[in-house]
Amino acid sequence: MSKDYRFIEKLDKLPAGRYLFTDPCYVLGEEPFWSDLVIELNSEDVPKDVVFVEMKGKVFPIFKTSIGDGLYSFITYDGCVSSPVDSGCLAFVPVSLVKDEDLESGGVFTLYKDEKLKFPERGVVEVGIWQLDTRPELDYEDEEEEEEEY
């Protein structure tokens, strides 16, 4: 992969278009991009929960999940899309940047208009009216059992 990308400061809206909801390591894991991404996310000065990428004229976010690896789902106009995670990150990658054989690494969805994009806290992403929350769910029964043991 040639260096035809750059990290940008902010992205307030996710542009209308088709996206692959996926772990970026499955579709963007080539060098030098992957090493640059890891450095950008884990900078000693300011570690980040989200980075914004401009690649071949397309912009998109790559963001850390709250608890790392797992299987995550996101509700869209097209229904529920899911992706396994092995790198601790997720992304909304424009389909035009993904090889056809890599489209099965996650779920494809369409945004019919530009949607507001917010990251209120680590592991939580809001795209328009939808929210992706990668934080663990509290199991209240387990909490009650732990309290009774004391």
N, C-alpha and C. Protein backbone atom coordinates (compact mmCIF):
# COMPACT_ATOMS: atom_id res chain seq x y z
N MET A 1 0.86 -1.16 0.00
CA MET A 1 0.00 0.00 0.00
C MET A 1 0.91 1.23 0.00
N SER A 2 0.77 2.05 -1.00
CA SER A 2 1.56 3.28 -1.04
C SER A 2 0.99 4.26 -0.01
N LYS A 3 1.78 5.27 0.32
CA LYS A 3 1.35 6.21 1.35
C LYS A 3 0.39 7.23 0.74
N ASP A 4 -0.81 6.81 0.43
CA ASP A 4 -1.85 7.67 -0.15
C ASP A 4 -2.93 7.95 0.90
N TYR A 5 -2.49 8.20 2.13
CA TYR A 5 -3.40 8.47 3.23
C TYR A 5 -2.76 9.50 4.14
N ARG A 6 -3.61 10.09 4.97
CA ARG A 6 -3.12 10.98 6.02
C ARG A 6 -4.13 10.96 7.15
N PHE A 7 -3.66 11.26 8.34
CA PHE A 7 -4.54 11.37 9.49
C PHE A 7 -4.99 12.82 9.58
N ILE A 8 -6.29 13.03 9.77
CA ILE A 8 -6.84 14.38 9.82
C ILE A 8 -7.33 14.66 11.23
N GLU A 9 -7.49 15.93 11.55
CA GLU A 9 -7.79 16.37 12.91
C GLU A 9 -9.18 15.96 13.39
N LYS A 10 -10.19 16.15 12.56
CA LYS A 10 -11.57 15.95 13.02
C LYS A 10 -12.47 15.58 11.85
N LEU A 11 -13.52 14.87 12.17
CA LEU A 11 -14.54 14.52 11.19
C LEU A 11 -15.87 14.64 11.92
N ASP A 12 -16.66 15.66 11.57
CA ASP A 12 -17.93 15.90 12.26
C ASP A 12 -19.08 15.10 11.67
N LYS A 13 -18.95 14.76 10.39
CA LYS A 13 -20.02 14.01 9.72
C LYS A 13 -19.41 12.87 8.92
N LEU A 14 -20.12 11.76 8.90
CA LEU A 14 -19.74 10.64 8.05
C LEU A 14 -20.49 10.85 6.74
N PRO A 15 -19.76 11.03 5.63
CA PRO A 15 -20.43 11.34 4.36
C PRO A 15 -21.34 10.21 3.89
N ALA A 16 -22.37 10.57 3.16
CA ALA A 16 -23.26 9.58 2.56
C ALA A 16 -22.42 8.62 1.72
N GLY A 17 -22.82 7.35 1.71
CA GLY A 17 -22.10 6.36 0.92
C GLY A 17 -22.24 4.98 1.51
N ARG A 18 -21.55 4.03 0.90
CA ARG A 18 -21.56 2.63 1.38
C ARG A 18 -20.29 2.39 2.18
N TYR A 19 -20.47 1.74 3.33
CA TYR A 19 -19.37 1.50 4.26
C TYR A 19 -19.31 0.03 4.67
N LEU A 20 -18.11 -0.40 5.00
CA LEU A 20 -17.91 -1.70 5.61
C LEU A 20 -17.62 -1.46 7.09
N PHE A 21 -18.46 -2.01 7.95
CA PHE A 21 -18.26 -1.97 9.39
C PHE A 21 -17.38 -3.16 9.72
N THR A 22 -16.12 -2.91 10.12
CA THR A 22 -15.17 -4.00 10.26
C THR A 22 -14.01 -3.63 11.16
N ASP A 23 -13.26 -4.63 11.54
CA ASP A 23 -11.97 -4.41 12.18
C ASP A 23 -11.02 -3.99 11.07
N PRO A 24 -10.37 -2.83 11.20
CA PRO A 24 -9.52 -2.37 10.11
C PRO A 24 -8.34 -3.28 9.80
N CYS A 25 -7.94 -4.14 10.74
CA CYS A 25 -6.81 -5.03 10.46
C CYS A 25 -7.14 -6.00 9.33
N TYR A 26 -8.41 -6.28 9.10
CA TYR A 26 -8.80 -7.22 8.05
C TYR A 26 -8.69 -6.62 6.66
N VAL A 27 -8.86 -5.31 6.55
CA VAL A 27 -8.92 -4.69 5.21
C VAL A 27 -7.85 -3.63 4.98
N LEU A 28 -7.23 -3.13 6.04
CA LEU A 28 -6.23 -2.06 5.91
C LEU A 28 -4.94 -2.44 6.62
N GLY A 29 -4.67 -3.72 6.77
CA GLY A 29 -3.54 -4.19 7.56
C GLY A 29 -2.20 -4.15 6.87
N GLU A 30 -2.14 -3.60 5.68
CA GLU A 30 -0.87 -3.57 4.95
C GLU A 30 0.03 -2.44 5.47
N GLU A 31 1.32 -2.60 5.26
CA GLU A 31 2.29 -1.58 5.64
C GLU A 31 2.45 -0.57 4.52
N PRO A 32 2.76 0.67 4.78
CA PRO A 32 3.10 1.21 6.10
C PRO A 32 1.89 1.68 6.89
N PHE A 33 0.69 1.59 6.31
CA PHE A 33 -0.50 2.15 6.98
C PHE A 33 -0.68 1.58 8.37
N TRP A 34 -0.61 0.26 8.52
CA TRP A 34 -0.94 -0.34 9.82
C TRP A 34 0.01 0.15 10.90
N SER A 35 1.30 0.20 10.63
CA SER A 35 2.26 0.71 11.62
C SER A 35 1.98 2.17 11.97
N ASP A 36 1.68 2.97 10.95
CA ASP A 36 1.37 4.38 11.20
C ASP A 36 0.11 4.53 12.05
N LEU A 37 -0.89 3.69 11.80
CA LEU A 37 -2.13 3.73 12.58
C LEU A 37 -1.86 3.39 14.04
N VAL A 38 -1.11 2.33 14.27
CA VAL A 38 -0.81 1.92 15.65
C VAL A 38 -0.08 3.05 16.37
N ILE A 39 0.86 3.68 15.70
CA ILE A 39 1.58 4.81 16.31
C ILE A 39 0.62 5.96 16.60
N GLU A 40 -0.25 6.27 15.66
CA GLU A 40 -1.20 7.38 15.83
C GLU A 40 -2.15 7.12 16.99
N LEU A 41 -2.65 5.90 17.13
CA LEU A 41 -3.58 5.57 18.22
C LEU A 41 -2.89 5.51 19.58
N ASN A 42 -1.65 5.12 19.59
CA ASN A 42 -0.96 4.85 20.85
C ASN A 42 0.20 5.79 21.14
N SER A 43 0.11 6.98 20.63
CA SER A 43 1.15 7.98 20.85
C SER A 43 1.42 8.14 22.35
N GLU A 44 2.69 8.20 22.71
CA GLU A 44 3.04 8.39 24.13
C GLU A 44 2.57 9.76 24.63
N ASP A 45 2.55 10.74 23.73
CA ASP A 45 2.12 12.09 24.14
C ASP A 45 0.63 12.14 24.41
N VAL A 46 -0.16 11.69 23.45
CA VAL A 46 -1.62 11.76 23.57
C VAL A 46 -2.23 10.50 22.95
N PRO A 47 -2.39 9.41 23.73
CA PRO A 47 -3.07 8.24 23.19
C PRO A 47 -4.50 8.62 22.80
N LYS A 48 -4.98 8.06 21.72
CA LYS A 48 -6.29 8.44 21.20
C LYS A 48 -7.23 7.24 21.18
N ASP A 49 -8.51 7.53 21.34
CA ASP A 49 -9.53 6.50 21.21
C ASP A 49 -10.06 6.42 19.78
N VAL A 50 -9.84 7.48 19.01
CA VAL A 50 -10.33 7.52 17.63
C VAL A 50 -9.34 8.33 16.79
N VAL A 51 -9.14 7.87 15.56
CA VAL A 51 -8.38 8.65 14.58
C VAL A 51 -9.23 8.76 13.32
N PHE A 52 -8.99 9.83 12.59
CA PHE A 52 -9.73 10.06 11.35
C PHE A 52 -8.73 9.98 10.20
N VAL A 53 -9.12 9.27 9.16
CA VAL A 53 -8.23 8.99 8.05
C VAL A 53 -8.81 9.57 6.77
N GLU A 54 -7.94 10.15 5.96
CA GLU A 54 -8.30 10.50 4.59
C GLU A 54 -7.45 9.62 3.69
N MET A 55 -8.12 8.83 2.86
CA MET A 55 -7.43 7.89 1.98
C MET A 55 -8.10 7.91 0.61
N LYS A 56 -7.32 8.20 -0.40
CA LYS A 56 -7.82 8.24 -1.78
C LYS A 56 -9.08 9.10 -1.89
N GLY A 57 -9.09 10.23 -1.19
CA GLY A 57 -10.21 11.17 -1.27
C GLY A 57 -11.40 10.83 -0.40
N LYS A 58 -11.34 9.74 0.34
CA LYS A 58 -12.43 9.33 1.25
C LYS A 58 -11.99 9.55 2.68
N VAL A 59 -12.94 9.92 3.55
CA VAL A 59 -12.63 10.11 4.97
C VAL A 59 -13.45 9.14 5.81
N PHE A 60 -12.83 8.66 6.90
CA PHE A 60 -13.53 7.70 7.76
C PHE A 60 -12.83 7.60 9.11
N PRO A 61 -13.57 7.12 10.13
CA PRO A 61 -12.99 6.97 11.46
C PRO A 61 -12.53 5.54 11.73
N ILE A 62 -11.49 5.43 12.55
CA ILE A 62 -11.06 4.16 13.12
C ILE A 62 -11.04 4.40 14.63
N PHE A 63 -11.68 3.53 15.39
CA PHE A 63 -11.83 3.79 16.82
C PHE A 63 -11.64 2.54 17.65
N LYS A 64 -11.14 2.75 18.86
CA LYS A 64 -10.93 1.64 19.79
C LYS A 64 -12.26 1.20 20.38
N THR A 65 -12.38 -0.09 20.62
CA THR A 65 -13.54 -0.59 21.36
C THR A 65 -13.25 -0.40 22.84
N SER A 66 -14.28 -0.53 23.64
CA SER A 66 -14.13 -0.31 25.08
C SER A 66 -13.33 -1.42 25.75
N ILE A 67 -13.59 -2.66 25.35
CA ILE A 67 -12.95 -3.78 26.04
C ILE A 67 -12.08 -4.63 25.12
N GLY A 68 -11.81 -4.17 23.91
CA GLY A 68 -10.92 -4.91 23.02
C GLY A 68 -11.65 -5.83 22.07
N ASP A 69 -11.14 -7.04 21.95
CA ASP A 69 -11.64 -7.98 20.96
C ASP A 69 -13.04 -8.50 21.32
N GLY A 70 -13.72 -9.02 20.30
CA GLY A 70 -15.05 -9.56 20.51
C GLY A 70 -15.84 -9.51 19.22
N LEU A 71 -17.15 -9.59 19.32
CA LEU A 71 -18.07 -9.49 18.20
C LEU A 71 -19.01 -8.33 18.50
N TYR A 72 -19.07 -7.37 17.58
CA TYR A 72 -19.86 -6.17 17.80
C TYR A 72 -20.88 -5.99 16.68
N SER A 73 -22.04 -5.45 17.03
CA SER A 73 -23.12 -5.22 16.07
C SER A 73 -23.52 -3.76 16.06
N PHE A 74 -24.03 -3.33 14.91
CA PHE A 74 -24.40 -1.93 14.71
C PHE A 74 -25.69 -1.91 13.90
N ILE A 75 -26.73 -1.22 14.39
CA ILE A 75 -28.01 -1.13 13.70
C ILE A 75 -27.96 0.02 12.70
N THR A 76 -28.40 -0.22 11.46
CA THR A 76 -28.39 0.79 10.40
C THR A 76 -29.72 0.74 9.66
N TYR A 77 -29.87 1.61 8.66
CA TYR A 77 -31.05 1.54 7.79
C TYR A 77 -31.17 0.17 7.13
N ASP A 78 -30.02 -0.46 6.87
CA ASP A 78 -29.99 -1.76 6.19
C ASP A 78 -30.18 -2.93 7.14
N GLY A 79 -30.42 -2.67 8.41
CA GLY A 79 -30.56 -3.73 9.40
C GLY A 79 -29.31 -3.80 10.27
N CYS A 80 -29.12 -4.92 10.90
CA CYS A 80 -28.00 -5.10 11.82
C CYS A 80 -26.78 -5.62 11.06
N VAL A 81 -25.64 -4.95 11.24
CA VAL A 81 -24.39 -5.43 10.66
C VAL A 81 -23.45 -5.75 11.81
N SER A 82 -22.62 -6.77 11.63
CA SER A 82 -21.73 -7.22 12.70
C SER A 82 -20.31 -7.39 12.19
N SER A 83 -19.38 -7.35 13.14
CA SER A 83 -17.98 -7.59 12.80
C SER A 83 -17.25 -8.18 13.99
N PRO A 84 -16.44 -9.21 13.73
CA PRO A 84 -15.53 -9.65 14.78
C PRO A 84 -14.38 -8.64 14.89
N VAL A 85 -13.75 -8.60 16.05
CA VAL A 85 -12.63 -7.68 16.28
C VAL A 85 -11.45 -8.48 16.85
N ASP A 86 -10.30 -8.32 16.23
CA ASP A 86 -9.07 -8.94 16.71
C ASP A 86 -7.99 -7.92 17.06
N SER A 87 -8.16 -6.67 16.63
CA SER A 87 -7.14 -5.65 16.88
C SER A 87 -7.54 -4.66 17.97
N GLY A 88 -8.75 -4.81 18.52
CA GLY A 88 -9.24 -3.87 19.51
C GLY A 88 -9.81 -2.61 18.91
N CYS A 89 -9.98 -2.59 17.56
CA CYS A 89 -10.48 -1.41 16.86
C CYS A 89 -11.59 -1.78 15.88
N LEU A 90 -12.41 -0.81 15.58
CA LEU A 90 -13.43 -0.92 14.54
C LEU A 90 -13.32 0.28 13.62
N ALA A 91 -13.92 0.17 12.44
CA ALA A 91 -13.89 1.28 11.48
C ALA A 91 -15.12 1.21 10.60
N PHE A 92 -15.46 2.37 10.04
CA PHE A 92 -16.46 2.47 8.98
C PHE A 92 -15.65 2.79 7.72
N VAL A 93 -15.24 1.77 6.98
CA VAL A 93 -14.36 1.95 5.83
C VAL A 93 -15.20 2.08 4.56
N PRO A 94 -15.00 3.14 3.77
CA PRO A 94 -15.73 3.25 2.51
C PRO A 94 -15.50 2.00 1.65
N VAL A 95 -16.58 1.43 1.13
CA VAL A 95 -16.50 0.20 0.35
C VAL A 95 -15.55 0.34 -0.83
N SER A 96 -15.45 1.53 -1.41
CA SER A 96 -14.57 1.73 -2.56
C SER A 96 -13.09 1.50 -2.22
N LEU A 97 -12.74 1.48 -0.93
CA LEU A 97 -11.36 1.24 -0.51
C LEU A 97 -11.08 -0.21 -0.17
N VAL A 98 -12.10 -1.06 -0.28
CA VAL A 98 -12.00 -2.45 0.16
C VAL A 98 -12.01 -3.39 -1.04
N LYS A 99 -11.11 -4.37 -1.02
CA LYS A 99 -11.10 -5.40 -2.06
C LYS A 99 -12.37 -6.23 -1.93
N ASP A 100 -12.92 -6.66 -3.07
CA ASP A 100 -14.17 -7.43 -3.06
C ASP A 100 -14.09 -8.64 -2.11
N GLU A 101 -12.95 -9.33 -2.13
CA GLU A 101 -12.84 -10.55 -1.30
C GLU A 101 -12.80 -10.23 0.19
N ASP A 102 -12.58 -8.96 0.56
CA ASP A 102 -12.53 -8.57 1.97
C ASP A 102 -13.87 -8.06 2.51
N LEU A 103 -14.87 -7.94 1.63
CA LEU A 103 -16.17 -7.40 2.07
C LEU A 103 -16.86 -8.30 3.09
N GLU A 104 -16.48 -9.57 3.15
CA GLU A 104 -17.12 -10.50 4.09
C GLU A 104 -16.53 -10.39 5.50
N SER A 105 -15.56 -9.50 5.70
CA SER A 105 -14.93 -9.37 7.01
C SER A 105 -15.79 -8.61 8.01
N GLY A 106 -16.90 -8.07 7.55
CA GLY A 106 -17.78 -7.30 8.43
C GLY A 106 -19.15 -7.17 7.78
N GLY A 107 -19.81 -6.05 8.01
CA GLY A 107 -21.14 -5.82 7.45
C GLY A 107 -21.17 -4.54 6.64
N VAL A 108 -21.74 -4.62 5.44
CA VAL A 108 -21.85 -3.46 4.56
C VAL A 108 -23.17 -2.76 4.85
N PHE A 109 -23.11 -1.42 4.93
CA PHE A 109 -24.33 -0.63 5.12
C PHE A 109 -24.22 0.65 4.31
N THR A 110 -25.36 1.30 4.10
CA THR A 110 -25.42 2.53 3.31
C THR A 110 -25.91 3.68 4.17
N LEU A 111 -25.23 4.80 4.07
CA LEU A 111 -25.74 6.05 4.62
C LEU A 111 -26.32 6.82 3.45
N TYR A 112 -27.58 7.18 3.53
CA TYR A 112 -28.26 7.86 2.42
C TYR A 112 -28.06 9.36 2.44
N LYS A 113 -27.52 9.85 3.55
CA LYS A 113 -27.19 11.28 3.66
C LYS A 113 -26.02 11.39 4.63
N ASP A 114 -25.36 12.53 4.64
CA ASP A 114 -24.30 12.77 5.62
C ASP A 114 -24.93 12.67 7.01
N GLU A 115 -24.25 11.99 7.91
CA GLU A 115 -24.76 11.82 9.28
C GLU A 115 -23.76 12.37 10.28
N LYS A 116 -24.27 13.02 11.33
CA LYS A 116 -23.41 13.52 12.40
C LYS A 116 -22.65 12.35 13.01
N LEU A 117 -21.41 12.61 13.37
CA LEU A 117 -20.54 11.59 13.93
C LEU A 117 -20.01 12.09 15.27
N LYS A 118 -20.26 11.31 16.34
CA LYS A 118 -19.81 11.71 17.68
C LYS A 118 -19.17 10.52 18.38
N PHE A 119 -18.23 10.83 19.24
CA PHE A 119 -17.55 9.84 20.07
C PHE A 119 -17.60 10.35 21.51
N PRO A 120 -18.76 10.18 22.20
CA PRO A 120 -18.92 10.76 23.53
C PRO A 120 -17.98 10.17 24.58
N GLU A 121 -17.57 8.91 24.43
CA GLU A 121 -16.61 8.31 25.33
C GLU A 121 -16.01 7.08 24.65
N ARG A 122 -14.92 6.58 25.23
CA ARG A 122 -14.25 5.43 24.60
C ARG A 122 -15.22 4.27 24.43
N GLY A 123 -15.26 3.75 23.21
CA GLY A 123 -16.09 2.60 22.92
C GLY A 123 -17.52 2.93 22.55
N VAL A 124 -17.88 4.20 22.51
CA VAL A 124 -19.23 4.61 22.14
C VAL A 124 -19.14 5.52 20.92
N VAL A 125 -19.91 5.17 19.89
CA VAL A 125 -19.92 5.92 18.64
C VAL A 125 -21.36 6.22 18.29
N GLU A 126 -21.63 7.46 17.90
CA GLU A 126 -22.96 7.85 17.45
C GLU A 126 -22.86 8.30 16.00
N VAL A 127 -23.67 7.67 15.15
CA VAL A 127 -23.75 8.03 13.74
C VAL A 127 -25.21 8.38 13.48
N GLY A 128 -25.49 9.68 13.36
CA GLY A 128 -26.89 10.09 13.20
C GLY A 128 -27.69 9.64 14.41
N ILE A 129 -28.75 8.88 14.15
CA ILE A 129 -29.63 8.42 15.23
C ILE A 129 -29.19 7.10 15.86
N TRP A 130 -28.13 6.47 15.31
CA TRP A 130 -27.70 5.17 15.80
C TRP A 130 -26.54 5.30 16.76
N GLN A 131 -26.46 4.36 17.68
CA GLN A 131 -25.35 4.33 18.62
C GLN A 131 -24.74 2.93 18.64
N LEU A 132 -23.43 2.89 18.57
CA LEU A 132 -22.68 1.65 18.76
C LEU A 132 -22.00 1.77 20.11
N ASP A 133 -22.32 0.86 21.01
CA ASP A 133 -21.77 0.89 22.36
C ASP A 133 -21.02 -0.41 22.58
N THR A 134 -19.69 -0.32 22.67
CA THR A 134 -18.88 -1.52 22.86
C THR A 134 -18.53 -1.77 24.32
N ARG A 135 -19.11 -0.97 25.21
CA ARG A 135 -18.86 -1.20 26.63
C ARG A 135 -19.54 -2.50 27.06
N PRO A 136 -18.99 -3.18 28.05
CA PRO A 136 -19.63 -4.43 28.51
C PRO A 136 -20.96 -4.13 29.17
N GLU A 137 -21.90 -5.04 28.98
CA GLU A 137 -23.20 -4.89 29.63
C GLU A 137 -23.05 -5.35 31.08
N LEU A 138 -23.70 -4.64 31.96
CA LEU A 138 -23.69 -5.05 33.36
C LEU A 138 -24.67 -6.19 33.55
N ASP A 139 -24.24 -7.20 34.24
CA ASP A 139 -25.11 -8.31 34.57
C ASP A 139 -25.53 -8.10 36.03
N TYR A 140 -26.73 -7.54 36.20
CA TYR A 140 -27.16 -7.17 37.54
C TYR A 140 -27.30 -8.36 38.47
N GLU A 141 -27.62 -9.55 37.94
CA GLU A 141 -27.72 -10.73 38.80
C GLU A 141 -26.36 -11.06 39.39
N ASP A 142 -25.29 -10.98 38.57
CA ASP A 142 -23.95 -11.25 39.08
C ASP A 142 -23.56 -10.24 40.15
N GLU A 143 -23.90 -8.98 39.96
CA GLU A 143 -23.58 -7.95 40.95
C GLU A 143 -24.28 -8.24 42.28
N GLU A 144 -25.57 -8.67 42.21
CA GLU A 144 -26.31 -8.96 43.43
C GLU A 144 -25.69 -10.15 44.16
N GLU A 145 -25.28 -11.18 43.41
CA GLU A 145 -24.64 -12.35 44.05
C GLU A 145 -23.36 -11.95 44.72
N GLU A 146 -22.55 -11.09 44.07
CA GLU A 146 -21.29 -10.65 44.69
C GLU A 146 -21.56 -9.87 45.96
N GLU A 147 -22.58 -9.03 45.98
CA GLU A 147 -22.90 -8.25 47.18
C GLU A 147 -23.34 -9.14 48.31
N GLU A 148 -24.11 -10.22 48.00
CA GLU A 148 -24.60 -11.12 49.05
C GLU A 148 -23.47 -11.92 49.69
N GLU A 149 -22.38 -12.15 48.93
CA GLU A 149 -21.27 -12.93 49.46
C GLU A 149 -20.52 -12.18 50.56
N TYR A 150 -20.62 -10.87 50.61
CA TYR A 150 -19.87 -10.09 51.60
C TYR A 150 -20.55 -10.07 52.90
